[in-house]
Amino acid sequence: MCAVARTGGISELAERTAVSSASLAEALGATATPSFDGIRSIMHALGLRLTAQVVE
């Protein structure tokens, strides 16, 4: 949620992800289980990329 605050808040992120503010707030809640596509959308809107790394 800190990253959301830095980007201008839930409303701006909702516009950038084409998801309603209510749905976005629910998806980012502590007990949420968002879909992979939802996480990918949010990360893309924040300028982030998810990568996999081999565990050694």
Protein backbone atom coordinates (compact mmCIF):
# COMPACT_ATOMS: atom_id res chain seq x y z
CA MET A 1 0.00 0.00 0.00
CA CYS A 2 2.95 2.36 0.48
CA ALA A 3 3.70 2.17 -3.24
CA VAL A 4 0.07 3.05 -3.96
CA ALA A 5 0.35 6.12 -1.74
CA ARG A 6 3.50 7.23 -3.57
CA THR A 7 1.78 6.98 -6.98
CA GLY A 8 -1.05 9.30 -6.03
CA GLY A 9 -3.44 6.98 -4.27
CA ILE A 10 -6.04 4.36 -5.02
CA SER A 11 -8.04 6.61 -7.38
CA GLU A 12 -5.12 7.29 -9.71
CA LEU A 13 -4.03 3.66 -9.68
CA ALA A 14 -7.61 2.58 -10.40
CA GLU A 15 -7.61 4.78 -13.50
CA ARG A 16 -4.26 3.40 -14.65
CA THR A 17 -5.38 -0.22 -14.20
CA ALA A 18 -8.99 0.20 -15.44
CA VAL A 19 -10.22 -1.31 -12.15
CA SER A 20 -12.68 0.41 -9.80
CA SER A 21 -11.26 2.01 -6.67
CA ALA A 22 -13.37 -0.29 -4.49
CA SER A 23 -12.13 -3.42 -6.26
CA LEU A 24 -8.55 -2.22 -6.13
CA ALA A 25 -8.73 -1.43 -2.41
CA GLU A 26 -10.21 -4.88 -1.80
CA ALA A 27 -7.49 -6.55 -3.89
CA LEU A 28 -4.77 -4.76 -1.90
CA GLY A 29 -6.31 -5.54 1.48
CA ALA A 30 -4.50 -7.63 4.07
CA THR A 31 -6.80 -10.65 3.63
CA ALA A 32 -7.09 -10.42 -0.16
CA THR A 33 -6.27 -13.21 -2.59
CA PRO A 34 -5.97 -11.30 -5.88
CA SER A 35 -5.56 -13.07 -9.21
CA PHE A 36 -2.22 -13.16 -10.99
CA ASP A 37 -3.65 -10.91 -13.73
CA GLY A 38 -4.72 -8.43 -11.08
CA ILE A 39 -1.27 -8.36 -9.52
CA ARG A 40 0.32 -8.02 -12.97
CA SER A 41 -1.96 -5.07 -13.81
CA ILE A 42 -1.19 -3.30 -10.56
CA MET A 43 2.54 -3.87 -10.90
CA HIS A 44 2.54 -2.64 -14.50
CA ALA A 45 0.68 0.53 -13.48
CA LEU A 46 3.30 1.11 -10.77
CA GLY A 47 6.15 0.58 -13.25
CA LEU A 48 7.21 -2.72 -11.68
CA ARG A 49 8.01 -6.11 -13.17
CA LEU A 50 7.73 -9.52 -11.52
CA THR A 51 10.67 -11.85 -12.14
CA ALA A 52 11.45 -15.40 -11.11
CA GLN A 53 14.78 -16.38 -9.62
CA VAL A 54 16.21 -19.80 -8.95
CA VAL A 55 16.47 -20.60 -5.24
CA GLU A 56 19.90 -21.88 -4.38
